[in-house]
């Protein structure tokens, strides 16, 4: 079966469920009445579904490749620098974005600078049997045909926890049983390969001092 055919099957049977499940998680975790920036939002479909569930939120996105006909307002950015001032957005989301970067800490530090209260991350953990080849296959199926960069830069759970601690973030939630796949597919593609984390940023002035020290 060709890559295009596999990608079409993925879109038909996996993508829609993924959007619904992740929208439910984000709607549950985002703070009430927040301004939200979805970094690496793609066509903005997920953000628009979250907005339908949580009309109290003000959601926009940024992406390296801005597509035509996006579902929410999307601004271009260079993949490293979030084009907003310090402490200007209540919450920032990264949904399956950071493993597409060469160094996830670059964007995590930018989120620390820009976000006021929360950063919510959905990504992968490369722990357990056949985790890396499974994640590489999933990434290729879901993204290769869209021209998305695929450095396959997956972290272990311990690396994520260490990064959050270095930033001084309080991990309010870190859940790995997300329900992204039907039971029959979960053994191969779910397992503990995915997580969603809601991190609360420290209050000012400690947060500002920490951010300044990291970018100095």
N, C-alpha and C. Protein backbone atom coordinates (compact mmCIF):
# COMPACT_ATOMS: atom_id res chain seq x y z
N UNK A 1 0.85 -1.19 0.00
CA UNK A 1 0.00 0.00 0.00
C UNK A 1 0.89 1.24 0.00
N UNK A 2 0.56 2.22 -0.83
CA UNK A 2 1.37 3.43 -0.94
C UNK A 2 1.22 4.31 0.28
N UNK A 3 2.18 5.25 0.42
CA UNK A 3 2.11 6.19 1.52
C UNK A 3 0.85 7.05 1.47
N UNK A 4 0.43 7.45 0.24
CA UNK A 4 -0.78 8.25 0.11
C UNK A 4 -2.02 7.47 0.56
N UNK A 5 -2.06 6.18 0.19
CA UNK A 5 -3.21 5.35 0.57
C UNK A 5 -3.26 5.15 2.07
N UNK A 6 -2.10 4.90 2.69
CA UNK A 6 -2.06 4.75 4.14
C UNK A 6 -2.49 6.06 4.81
N UNK A 7 -2.00 7.18 4.28
CA UNK A 7 -2.38 8.47 4.83
C UNK A 7 -3.86 8.73 4.73
N UNK A 8 -4.48 8.30 3.61
CA UNK A 8 -5.92 8.49 3.45
C UNK A 8 -6.70 7.66 4.47
N UNK A 9 -6.25 6.42 4.69
CA UNK A 9 -6.90 5.59 5.70
C UNK A 9 -6.76 6.21 7.08
N UNK A 10 -5.58 6.75 7.37
CA UNK A 10 -5.35 7.41 8.66
C UNK A 10 -6.33 8.56 8.82
N UNK A 11 -6.47 9.36 7.78
CA UNK A 11 -7.38 10.49 7.86
C UNK A 11 -8.81 10.08 8.07
N UNK A 12 -9.21 8.99 7.42
CA UNK A 12 -10.61 8.56 7.49
C UNK A 12 -10.96 7.94 8.83
N UNK A 13 -10.04 7.15 9.41
CA UNK A 13 -10.40 6.33 10.56
C UNK A 13 -9.75 6.77 11.88
N UNK A 14 -8.72 7.60 11.81
CA UNK A 14 -8.00 7.98 13.02
C UNK A 14 -8.12 9.46 13.32
N UNK A 15 -7.95 10.30 12.30
CA UNK A 15 -7.83 11.73 12.53
C UNK A 15 -9.06 12.31 13.21
N UNK A 16 -10.26 11.94 12.74
CA UNK A 16 -11.47 12.51 13.32
C UNK A 16 -11.63 12.17 14.78
N UNK A 17 -11.36 10.93 15.15
CA UNK A 17 -11.45 10.53 16.56
C UNK A 17 -10.42 11.28 17.38
N UNK A 18 -9.19 11.40 16.84
CA UNK A 18 -8.12 12.10 17.55
C UNK A 18 -8.54 13.55 17.87
N UNK A 19 -9.11 14.23 16.88
CA UNK A 19 -9.52 15.62 17.09
C UNK A 19 -10.57 15.70 18.19
N UNK A 20 -11.56 14.82 18.15
CA UNK A 20 -12.62 14.86 19.17
C UNK A 20 -12.08 14.60 20.56
N UNK A 21 -11.21 13.58 20.68
CA UNK A 21 -10.68 13.23 22.00
C UNK A 21 -9.79 14.34 22.55
N UNK A 22 -8.90 14.86 21.70
CA UNK A 22 -7.99 15.91 22.17
C UNK A 22 -8.76 17.20 22.49
N UNK A 23 -9.78 17.49 21.72
CA UNK A 23 -10.59 18.68 22.01
C UNK A 23 -11.25 18.55 23.39
N UNK A 24 -11.72 17.35 23.71
CA UNK A 24 -12.32 17.13 25.04
C UNK A 24 -11.30 17.36 26.14
N UNK A 25 -10.08 16.84 25.96
CA UNK A 25 -9.04 17.03 26.97
C UNK A 25 -8.69 18.52 27.13
N UNK A 26 -8.49 19.21 26.01
CA UNK A 26 -8.11 20.62 26.09
C UNK A 26 -9.24 21.46 26.69
N UNK A 27 -10.46 21.15 26.31
CA UNK A 27 -11.60 21.88 26.87
C UNK A 27 -11.67 21.71 28.38
N UNK A 28 -11.28 20.55 28.87
CA UNK A 28 -11.30 20.28 30.31
C UNK A 28 -10.16 21.00 31.04
N UNK A 29 -9.02 21.14 30.38
CA UNK A 29 -7.82 21.63 31.07
C UNK A 29 -7.60 23.13 30.96
N UNK A 30 -8.12 23.77 29.93
CA UNK A 30 -7.85 25.20 29.75
C UNK A 30 -8.60 26.03 30.78
N UNK A 31 -7.95 27.07 31.32
CA UNK A 31 -8.60 27.90 32.35
C UNK A 31 -9.77 28.70 31.79
N UNK A 32 -10.70 29.01 32.65
CA UNK A 32 -11.93 29.71 32.28
C UNK A 32 -11.63 31.10 31.73
N UNK A 33 -12.24 31.42 30.58
CA UNK A 33 -12.14 32.76 30.00
C UNK A 33 -10.77 33.11 29.49
N UNK A 34 -9.94 32.13 29.18
CA UNK A 34 -8.55 32.39 28.83
C UNK A 34 -8.37 32.81 27.37
N UNK A 35 -7.35 33.63 27.16
CA UNK A 35 -6.82 33.81 25.81
C UNK A 35 -5.85 32.65 25.57
N UNK A 36 -5.95 32.00 24.41
CA UNK A 36 -5.20 30.78 24.13
C UNK A 36 -4.47 30.91 22.81
N UNK A 37 -3.20 30.53 22.78
CA UNK A 37 -2.42 30.49 21.56
C UNK A 37 -2.02 29.04 21.29
N UNK A 38 -2.48 28.51 20.16
CA UNK A 38 -2.16 27.14 19.75
C UNK A 38 -0.94 27.21 18.84
N UNK A 39 0.21 26.78 19.34
CA UNK A 39 1.47 26.86 18.59
C UNK A 39 1.61 25.63 17.71
N UNK A 40 1.81 25.86 16.40
CA UNK A 40 1.86 24.75 15.47
C UNK A 40 0.50 24.17 15.21
N UNK A 41 -0.50 25.04 14.97
CA UNK A 41 -1.90 24.65 14.96
C UNK A 41 -2.36 23.99 13.66
N UNK A 42 -1.52 23.98 12.62
CA UNK A 42 -1.94 23.42 11.35
C UNK A 42 -3.10 24.19 10.76
N UNK A 43 -4.17 23.49 10.38
CA UNK A 43 -5.32 24.18 9.78
C UNK A 43 -6.27 24.76 10.82
N UNK A 44 -5.95 24.58 12.10
CA UNK A 44 -6.77 25.16 13.16
C UNK A 44 -8.03 24.39 13.47
N UNK A 45 -8.19 23.18 12.90
CA UNK A 45 -9.41 22.41 13.15
C UNK A 45 -9.58 22.08 14.62
N UNK A 46 -8.52 21.57 15.25
CA UNK A 46 -8.61 21.20 16.67
C UNK A 46 -8.99 22.42 17.51
N UNK A 47 -8.34 23.55 17.25
CA UNK A 47 -8.65 24.76 18.01
C UNK A 47 -10.10 25.17 17.84
N UNK A 48 -10.64 25.00 16.64
CA UNK A 48 -12.03 25.40 16.40
C UNK A 48 -13.00 24.48 17.14
N UNK A 49 -12.67 23.19 17.25
CA UNK A 49 -13.53 22.26 17.98
C UNK A 49 -13.49 22.59 19.48
N UNK A 50 -12.30 22.92 19.99
CA UNK A 50 -12.19 23.34 21.38
C UNK A 50 -13.04 24.59 21.62
N UNK A 51 -12.98 25.52 20.70
CA UNK A 51 -13.75 26.76 20.83
C UNK A 51 -15.25 26.48 20.86
N UNK A 52 -15.71 25.50 20.07
CA UNK A 52 -17.13 25.16 20.10
C UNK A 52 -17.53 24.59 21.46
N UNK A 53 -16.63 23.81 22.06
CA UNK A 53 -16.92 23.24 23.38
C UNK A 53 -16.80 24.28 24.49
N UNK A 54 -15.90 25.24 24.28
CA UNK A 54 -15.61 26.25 25.31
C UNK A 54 -15.70 27.64 24.69
N UNK A 55 -16.91 28.15 24.44
CA UNK A 55 -17.05 29.47 23.80
C UNK A 55 -16.51 30.62 24.64
N UNK A 56 -16.18 30.35 25.91
CA UNK A 56 -15.59 31.40 26.74
C UNK A 56 -14.13 31.68 26.37
N UNK A 57 -13.51 30.79 25.58
CA UNK A 57 -12.10 30.94 25.23
C UNK A 57 -11.92 31.79 23.98
N UNK A 58 -10.81 32.51 23.94
CA UNK A 58 -10.40 33.28 22.75
C UNK A 58 -9.16 32.59 22.20
N UNK A 59 -9.31 31.85 21.08
CA UNK A 59 -8.24 30.99 20.58
C UNK A 59 -7.75 31.47 19.21
N UNK A 60 -6.44 31.58 19.08
CA UNK A 60 -5.79 31.85 17.80
C UNK A 60 -4.61 30.89 17.67
N UNK A 61 -4.01 30.87 16.49
CA UNK A 61 -2.91 29.96 16.26
C UNK A 61 -1.75 30.59 15.54
N UNK A 62 -0.60 29.92 15.61
CA UNK A 62 0.55 30.28 14.80
C UNK A 62 1.12 28.98 14.21
N UNK A 63 1.71 29.11 13.03
CA UNK A 63 2.30 27.94 12.39
C UNK A 63 3.37 28.39 11.41
N UNK A 64 4.32 27.50 11.18
CA UNK A 64 5.38 27.78 10.21
C UNK A 64 4.80 27.82 8.80
N UNK A 65 3.86 26.93 8.52
CA UNK A 65 3.19 26.86 7.21
C UNK A 65 1.73 27.25 7.41
N UNK A 66 1.36 28.44 6.98
CA UNK A 66 -0.02 28.90 7.12
C UNK A 66 -0.82 28.43 5.90
N UNK A 67 -1.82 27.60 6.15
CA UNK A 67 -2.62 27.03 5.07
C UNK A 67 -3.77 27.97 4.70
N UNK A 68 -4.34 27.74 3.53
CA UNK A 68 -5.51 28.50 3.11
C UNK A 68 -6.75 27.96 3.82
N UNK A 69 -7.68 28.84 4.13
CA UNK A 69 -8.95 28.43 4.69
C UNK A 69 -8.86 27.80 6.06
N UNK A 70 -8.05 28.38 6.96
CA UNK A 70 -7.91 27.82 8.30
C UNK A 70 -9.19 28.03 9.11
N UNK A 71 -9.38 27.17 10.11
CA UNK A 71 -10.60 27.20 10.91
C UNK A 71 -10.57 28.27 12.00
N UNK A 72 -9.40 28.75 12.37
CA UNK A 72 -9.23 29.88 13.28
C UNK A 72 -8.19 30.81 12.67
N UNK A 73 -8.06 32.01 13.23
CA UNK A 73 -7.04 32.92 12.75
C UNK A 73 -5.65 32.35 13.03
N UNK A 74 -4.79 32.34 12.01
CA UNK A 74 -3.44 31.77 12.13
C UNK A 74 -2.42 32.78 11.62
N UNK A 75 -1.42 33.05 12.45
CA UNK A 75 -0.31 33.91 12.07
C UNK A 75 0.92 33.06 11.75
N UNK A 76 1.77 33.53 10.83
CA UNK A 76 3.02 32.81 10.58
C UNK A 76 4.05 33.07 11.67
N UNK A 77 4.94 32.09 11.91
CA UNK A 77 6.09 32.33 12.77
C UNK A 77 7.24 31.47 12.29
N UNK A 78 8.43 31.74 12.83
CA UNK A 78 9.64 31.12 12.29
C UNK A 78 9.97 29.76 12.90
N UNK A 79 9.12 29.26 13.77
CA UNK A 79 9.35 27.96 14.37
C UNK A 79 10.17 28.00 15.65
N UNK A 80 10.66 29.18 16.01
CA UNK A 80 11.51 29.28 17.21
C UNK A 80 11.09 30.43 18.12
N UNK A 81 10.63 31.52 17.54
CA UNK A 81 10.29 32.71 18.31
C UNK A 81 8.78 32.97 18.24
N UNK A 82 8.11 32.89 19.38
CA UNK A 82 6.67 33.15 19.41
C UNK A 82 6.45 34.66 19.31
N UNK A 83 5.74 35.13 18.28
CA UNK A 83 5.67 36.57 18.00
C UNK A 83 4.66 37.33 18.85
N UNK A 84 4.81 37.21 20.18
CA UNK A 84 3.96 37.92 21.12
C UNK A 84 4.83 38.44 22.26
N UNK A 85 4.41 39.54 22.91
CA UNK A 85 5.19 40.09 24.02
C UNK A 85 5.18 39.18 25.25
N UNK A 86 6.04 39.49 26.20
CA UNK A 86 6.09 38.77 27.47
C UNK A 86 4.73 38.82 28.18
N UNK A 87 4.33 37.68 28.76
CA UNK A 87 3.13 37.61 29.60
C UNK A 87 1.88 38.17 28.92
N UNK A 88 1.71 37.88 27.64
CA UNK A 88 0.62 38.47 26.88
C UNK A 88 -0.53 37.51 26.57
N UNK A 89 -0.33 36.20 26.81
CA UNK A 89 -1.34 35.19 26.52
C UNK A 89 -1.57 34.38 27.80
N UNK A 90 -2.83 34.09 28.12
CA UNK A 90 -3.10 33.32 29.33
C UNK A 90 -2.54 31.90 29.25
N UNK A 91 -2.83 31.21 28.14
CA UNK A 91 -2.43 29.80 28.03
C UNK A 91 -1.91 29.51 26.63
N UNK A 92 -0.88 28.69 26.56
CA UNK A 92 -0.31 28.25 25.29
C UNK A 92 -0.46 26.74 25.19
N UNK A 93 -0.83 26.26 24.01
CA UNK A 93 -0.93 24.82 23.78
C UNK A 93 0.04 24.38 22.70
N UNK A 94 0.63 23.20 22.92
CA UNK A 94 1.45 22.52 21.91
C UNK A 94 0.86 21.13 21.74
N UNK A 95 0.27 20.85 20.59
CA UNK A 95 -0.34 19.54 20.37
C UNK A 95 0.45 18.81 19.29
N UNK A 96 1.23 17.81 19.71
CA UNK A 96 2.07 17.03 18.81
C UNK A 96 2.93 17.93 17.94
N UNK A 97 3.59 18.89 18.57
CA UNK A 97 4.42 19.86 17.88
C UNK A 97 5.89 19.72 18.28
N UNK A 98 6.14 19.56 19.56
CA UNK A 98 7.51 19.70 20.05
C UNK A 98 8.44 18.61 19.56
N UNK A 99 7.93 17.41 19.28
CA UNK A 99 8.82 16.37 18.76
C UNK A 99 9.18 16.61 17.29
N UNK A 100 8.58 17.63 16.67
CA UNK A 100 8.97 18.01 15.31
C UNK A 100 10.07 19.06 15.31
N UNK A 101 10.54 19.45 16.47
CA UNK A 101 11.61 20.45 16.57
C UNK A 101 12.94 19.78 16.90
N UNK A 102 14.02 20.45 16.57
CA UNK A 102 15.35 19.93 16.87
C UNK A 102 15.63 20.02 18.37
N UNK A 103 15.14 21.09 19.01
CA UNK A 103 15.33 21.28 20.45
C UNK A 103 14.03 21.80 21.06
N UNK A 104 13.22 20.94 21.67
CA UNK A 104 11.94 21.39 22.25
C UNK A 104 12.09 22.49 23.28
N UNK A 105 13.23 22.57 23.95
CA UNK A 105 13.40 23.59 24.99
C UNK A 105 13.33 25.00 24.44
N UNK A 106 13.66 25.18 23.16
CA UNK A 106 13.59 26.52 22.57
C UNK A 106 12.15 27.05 22.65
N UNK A 107 11.20 26.24 22.22
CA UNK A 107 9.80 26.68 22.26
C UNK A 107 9.22 26.64 23.67
N UNK A 108 9.69 25.73 24.50
CA UNK A 108 9.22 25.72 25.88
C UNK A 108 9.64 27.00 26.60
N UNK A 109 10.85 27.46 26.36
CA UNK A 109 11.30 28.72 26.97
C UNK A 109 10.50 29.90 26.44
N UNK A 110 10.18 29.86 25.13
CA UNK A 110 9.36 30.92 24.57
C UNK A 110 7.96 30.91 25.18
N UNK A 111 7.40 29.73 25.39
CA UNK A 111 6.10 29.64 26.04
C UNK A 111 6.17 30.20 27.46
N UNK A 112 7.26 29.91 28.15
CA UNK A 112 7.46 30.43 29.50
C UNK A 112 7.46 31.95 29.50
N UNK A 113 8.04 32.53 28.47
CA UNK A 113 8.11 33.99 28.36
C UNK A 113 6.76 34.60 28.06
N UNK A 114 5.98 33.98 27.17
CA UNK A 114 4.76 34.59 26.66
C UNK A 114 3.53 34.28 27.51
N UNK A 115 3.44 33.06 28.04
CA UNK A 115 2.24 32.64 28.77
C UNK A 115 2.17 33.26 30.16
N UNK A 116 0.94 33.56 30.59
CA UNK A 116 0.74 34.12 31.93
C UNK A 116 0.52 33.04 32.98
N UNK A 117 -0.28 32.02 32.65
CA UNK A 117 -0.64 31.07 33.71
C UNK A 117 -0.39 29.60 33.36
N UNK A 118 -0.67 29.17 32.11
CA UNK A 118 -0.62 27.75 31.80
C UNK A 118 0.04 27.46 30.45
N UNK A 119 0.70 26.31 30.40
CA UNK A 119 1.14 25.71 29.14
C UNK A 119 0.62 24.28 29.13
N UNK A 120 -0.07 23.91 28.07
CA UNK A 120 -0.63 22.57 27.96
C UNK A 120 0.01 21.87 26.77
N UNK A 121 0.54 20.69 27.02
CA UNK A 121 1.32 19.98 26.02
C UNK A 121 0.72 18.60 25.79
N UNK A 122 0.48 18.27 24.53
CA UNK A 122 0.19 16.89 24.15
C UNK A 122 1.36 16.43 23.29
N UNK A 123 2.01 15.35 23.69
CA UNK A 123 3.15 14.85 22.93
C UNK A 123 3.34 13.37 23.22
N UNK A 124 4.55 12.87 22.98
CA UNK A 124 4.83 11.44 23.11
C UNK A 124 5.88 11.17 24.18
N UNK A 125 5.90 9.94 24.67
CA UNK A 125 7.00 9.46 25.52
C UNK A 125 7.57 8.21 24.87
N UNK A 126 8.89 8.21 24.71
CA UNK A 126 9.55 7.09 24.04
C UNK A 126 10.06 6.10 25.08
N UNK A 127 9.11 5.52 25.80
CA UNK A 127 9.40 4.53 26.83
C UNK A 127 8.72 3.22 26.45
N UNK A 128 9.40 2.13 26.73
CA UNK A 128 8.77 0.83 26.55
C UNK A 128 9.14 0.15 25.25
N UNK A 129 8.61 -1.05 25.10
CA UNK A 129 8.92 -1.94 24.00
C UNK A 129 8.49 -1.37 22.65
N UNK A 130 9.43 -1.28 21.70
CA UNK A 130 9.18 -0.81 20.33
C UNK A 130 8.59 0.60 20.28
N UNK A 131 8.81 1.40 21.30
CA UNK A 131 8.22 2.74 21.32
C UNK A 131 8.72 3.60 20.17
N UNK A 132 10.03 3.63 19.97
CA UNK A 132 10.58 4.53 18.94
C UNK A 132 10.13 4.15 17.52
N UNK A 133 10.26 2.89 17.09
CA UNK A 133 9.79 2.58 15.73
C UNK A 133 8.28 2.77 15.55
N UNK A 134 7.51 2.52 16.60
CA UNK A 134 6.07 2.74 16.50
C UNK A 134 5.75 4.21 16.31
N UNK A 135 6.41 5.07 17.08
CA UNK A 135 6.18 6.51 16.97
C UNK A 135 6.65 7.04 15.62
N UNK A 136 7.77 6.55 15.13
CA UNK A 136 8.26 6.98 13.81
C UNK A 136 7.24 6.62 12.72
N UNK A 137 6.69 5.42 12.79
CA UNK A 137 5.69 5.01 11.80
C UNK A 137 4.45 5.90 11.88
N UNK A 138 3.96 6.14 13.09
CA UNK A 138 2.78 6.98 13.26
C UNK A 138 3.03 8.39 12.73
N UNK A 139 4.21 8.92 13.02
CA UNK A 139 4.56 10.26 12.57
C UNK A 139 4.59 10.34 11.05
N UNK A 140 5.21 9.34 10.44
CA UNK A 140 5.32 9.31 8.97
C UNK A 140 3.94 9.24 8.32
N UNK A 141 3.09 8.37 8.84
CA UNK A 141 1.75 8.20 8.27
C UNK A 141 0.95 9.49 8.38
N UNK A 142 1.01 10.13 9.55
CA UNK A 142 0.18 11.30 9.79
C UNK A 142 0.69 12.59 9.18
N UNK A 143 2.01 12.68 8.92
CA UNK A 143 2.58 13.98 8.59
C UNK A 143 3.41 14.07 7.32
N UNK A 144 3.97 12.97 6.86
CA UNK A 144 4.91 13.05 5.73
C UNK A 144 4.26 13.67 4.50
N UNK A 145 3.02 13.31 4.21
CA UNK A 145 2.38 13.82 2.99
C UNK A 145 2.05 15.30 3.07
N UNK A 146 2.09 15.87 4.29
CA UNK A 146 1.82 17.30 4.47
C UNK A 146 3.09 18.15 4.44
N UNK A 147 4.24 17.53 4.26
CA UNK A 147 5.50 18.27 4.23
C UNK A 147 5.99 18.73 5.58
N UNK A 148 5.49 18.10 6.66
CA UNK A 148 5.91 18.47 8.02
C UNK A 148 7.30 17.90 8.30
N UNK A 149 8.15 18.69 8.94
CA UNK A 149 9.49 18.21 9.31
C UNK A 149 9.38 17.02 10.25
N UNK A 150 10.21 16.00 10.03
CA UNK A 150 10.14 14.78 10.82
C UNK A 150 11.52 14.42 11.39
N UNK A 151 11.98 15.17 12.42
CA UNK A 151 13.23 14.81 13.08
C UNK A 151 13.10 13.65 14.05
N UNK A 152 11.85 13.22 14.34
CA UNK A 152 11.58 12.11 15.25
C UNK A 152 12.29 12.33 16.61
N UNK A 153 12.14 13.53 17.14
CA UNK A 153 12.84 13.90 18.37
C UNK A 153 11.94 13.63 19.58
N UNK A 154 11.84 12.37 19.95
CA UNK A 154 10.97 11.97 21.05
C UNK A 154 11.75 11.95 22.37
N UNK A 155 11.08 12.35 23.45
CA UNK A 155 11.67 12.32 24.79
C UNK A 155 11.03 11.23 25.63
N UNK A 156 11.78 10.78 26.62
CA UNK A 156 11.20 9.90 27.63
C UNK A 156 10.35 10.73 28.59
N UNK A 157 9.53 10.05 29.37
CA UNK A 157 8.75 10.75 30.39
C UNK A 157 9.68 11.48 31.35
N UNK A 158 10.80 10.84 31.72
CA UNK A 158 11.74 11.47 32.64
C UNK A 158 12.31 12.76 32.06
N UNK A 159 12.57 12.79 30.75
CA UNK A 159 13.08 14.02 30.13
C UNK A 159 12.04 15.14 30.18
N UNK A 160 10.78 14.80 29.94
CA UNK A 160 9.74 15.82 30.03
C UNK A 160 9.64 16.37 31.45
N UNK A 161 9.62 15.50 32.43
CA UNK A 161 9.50 15.94 33.83
C UNK A 161 10.68 16.81 34.22
N UNK A 162 11.87 16.43 33.76
CA UNK A 162 13.07 17.23 34.05
C UNK A 162 12.96 18.62 33.42
N UNK A 163 12.47 18.69 32.19
CA UNK A 163 12.32 19.98 31.52
C UNK A 163 11.33 20.87 32.25
N UNK A 164 10.20 20.30 32.68
CA UNK A 164 9.21 21.10 33.41
C UNK A 164 9.80 21.62 34.72
N UNK A 165 10.58 20.79 35.40
CA UNK A 165 11.20 21.21 36.66
C UNK A 165 12.21 22.31 36.41
N UNK A 166 12.98 22.19 35.34
CA UNK A 166 13.97 23.23 35.02
C UNK A 166 13.31 24.57 34.76
N UNK A 167 12.14 24.55 34.16
CA UNK A 167 11.41 25.78 33.88
C UNK A 167 10.68 26.32 35.11
N UNK A 168 10.60 25.51 36.15
CA UNK A 168 9.91 25.93 37.36
C UNK A 168 8.40 25.80 37.26
N UNK A 169 7.93 24.90 36.38
CA UNK A 169 6.49 24.72 36.21
C UNK A 169 5.94 23.69 37.17
N UNK A 170 4.73 23.92 37.64
CA UNK A 170 4.01 22.95 38.46
C UNK A 170 3.15 22.08 37.54
N UNK A 171 3.39 20.78 37.53
CA UNK A 171 2.61 19.87 36.69
C UNK A 171 1.31 19.54 37.41
N UNK A 172 0.22 20.13 36.94
CA UNK A 172 -1.09 19.89 37.56
C UNK A 172 -1.70 18.57 37.09
N UNK A 173 -1.46 18.22 35.84
CA UNK A 173 -1.97 16.98 35.25
C UNK A 173 -0.92 16.43 34.30
N UNK A 174 -0.67 15.12 34.34
CA UNK A 174 0.13 14.47 33.30
C UNK A 174 -0.47 13.08 33.09
N UNK A 175 -1.34 13.00 32.10
CA UNK A 175 -2.15 11.81 31.87
C UNK A 175 -1.68 11.09 30.60
N UNK A 176 -1.56 9.77 30.67
CA UNK A 176 -1.12 8.99 29.51
C UNK A 176 -2.22 8.10 28.94
N UNK A 177 -3.27 7.85 29.65
CA UNK A 177 -4.39 7.06 29.13
C UNK A 177 -5.39 8.02 28.49
N UNK A 178 -5.13 8.38 27.23
CA UNK A 178 -5.91 9.44 26.59
C UNK A 178 -7.13 8.95 25.84
N UNK A 179 -7.16 7.67 25.46
CA UNK A 179 -8.30 7.16 24.71
C UNK A 179 -8.33 7.59 23.27
N UNK A 180 -7.15 7.77 22.67
CA UNK A 180 -7.09 8.24 21.28
C UNK A 180 -7.54 7.20 20.27
N UNK A 181 -7.42 5.94 20.62
CA UNK A 181 -7.68 4.87 19.65
C UNK A 181 -8.74 3.91 20.18
N UNK A 182 -9.45 3.23 19.26
CA UNK A 182 -10.35 2.16 19.70
C UNK A 182 -9.56 1.07 20.42
N UNK A 183 -10.24 0.25 21.19
CA UNK A 183 -9.58 -0.78 21.99
C UNK A 183 -8.68 -1.66 21.15
N UNK A 184 -9.14 -2.05 19.96
CA UNK A 184 -8.37 -2.96 19.12
C UNK A 184 -7.05 -2.37 18.68
N UNK A 185 -6.97 -1.05 18.51
CA UNK A 185 -5.75 -0.40 18.04
C UNK A 185 -4.89 0.13 19.18
N UNK A 186 -5.47 0.20 20.37
CA UNK A 186 -4.75 0.84 21.48
C UNK A 186 -3.50 0.07 21.89
N UNK A 187 -3.53 -1.26 21.79
CA UNK A 187 -2.37 -2.05 22.20
C UNK A 187 -1.14 -1.67 21.40
N UNK A 188 -1.30 -1.39 20.11
CA UNK A 188 -0.17 -1.05 19.26
C UNK A 188 0.16 0.44 19.27
N UNK A 189 -0.88 1.29 19.13
CA UNK A 189 -0.64 2.71 18.90
C UNK A 189 -0.94 3.62 20.09
N UNK A 190 -1.58 3.07 21.11
CA UNK A 190 -1.88 3.87 22.29
C UNK A 190 -0.87 3.61 23.38
N UNK A 191 -1.07 2.47 24.06
CA UNK A 191 -0.17 2.08 25.16
C UNK A 191 0.10 3.30 26.05
N UNK A 192 1.39 3.57 26.31
CA UNK A 192 1.78 4.76 27.07
C UNK A 192 2.69 5.63 26.21
N UNK A 193 2.39 5.69 24.91
CA UNK A 193 3.19 6.46 23.96
C UNK A 193 2.77 7.92 23.91
N UNK A 194 1.64 8.26 24.47
CA UNK A 194 1.10 9.61 24.41
C UNK A 194 0.91 10.16 25.82
N UNK A 195 0.93 11.48 25.93
CA UNK A 195 0.57 12.10 27.21
C UNK A 195 0.01 13.49 26.94
N UNK A 196 -0.75 13.97 27.89
CA UNK A 196 -1.14 15.38 27.92
C UNK A 196 -0.80 15.91 29.29
N UNK A 197 -0.16 17.07 29.33
CA UNK A 197 0.26 17.68 30.60
C UNK A 197 -0.24 19.12 30.67
N UNK A 198 -0.82 19.46 31.80
CA UNK A 198 -1.19 20.83 32.09
C UNK A 198 -0.23 21.37 33.12
N UNK A 199 0.53 22.38 32.74
CA UNK A 199 1.57 22.94 33.61
C UNK A 199 1.20 24.37 33.99
N UNK A 200 1.28 24.65 35.27
CA UNK A 200 1.01 26.00 35.76
C UNK A 200 2.32 26.73 35.96
N UNK A 201 2.39 27.93 35.42
CA UNK A 201 3.60 28.73 35.53
C UNK A 201 3.64 29.45 36.87
N UNK A 202 4.86 29.69 37.38
CA UNK A 202 4.97 30.39 38.66
C UNK A 202 4.48 31.83 38.55
N UNK A 203 4.07 32.37 39.67
CA UNK A 203 3.56 33.73 39.69
C UNK A 203 4.70 34.73 39.54
N UNK A 204 4.35 35.93 39.10
CA UNK A 204 5.31 37.04 39.09
C UNK A 204 5.64 37.43 40.53
N UNK A 205 6.85 37.96 40.84
CA UNK A 205 7.92 38.27 39.88
C UNK A 205 8.87 37.11 39.61
N UNK A 206 8.66 35.97 40.28
CA UNK A 206 9.57 34.85 40.11
C UNK A 206 9.61 34.37 38.66
N UNK A 207 8.45 34.33 38.02
CA UNK A 207 8.39 33.85 36.63
C UNK A 207 9.23 34.72 35.72
N UNK A 208 9.11 36.04 35.85
CA UNK A 208 9.86 36.94 34.99
C UNK A 208 11.37 36.77 35.20
N UNK A 209 11.78 36.67 36.45
CA UNK A 209 13.19 36.50 36.75
C UNK A 209 13.73 35.20 36.15
N UNK A 210 12.93 34.14 36.26
CA UNK A 210 13.33 32.85 35.70
C UNK A 210 13.48 32.92 34.19
N UNK A 211 12.52 33.55 33.54
CA UNK A 211 12.56 33.67 32.08
C UNK A 211 13.77 34.48 31.64
N UNK A 212 14.05 35.58 32.33
CA UNK A 212 15.18 36.42 31.97
C UNK A 212 16.50 35.65 32.14
N UNK A 213 16.59 34.85 33.18
CA UNK A 213 17.81 34.08 33.41
C UNK A 213 18.02 33.04 32.32
N UNK A 214 16.94 32.43 31.83
CA UNK A 214 17.06 31.37 30.82
C UNK A 214 17.46 31.90 29.44
N UNK A 215 17.03 33.13 29.10
CA UNK A 215 17.32 33.65 27.78
C UNK A 215 18.53 34.56 27.75
N UNK A 216 19.12 34.78 28.93
CA UNK A 216 20.30 35.68 28.98
C UNK A 216 21.50 35.04 28.30
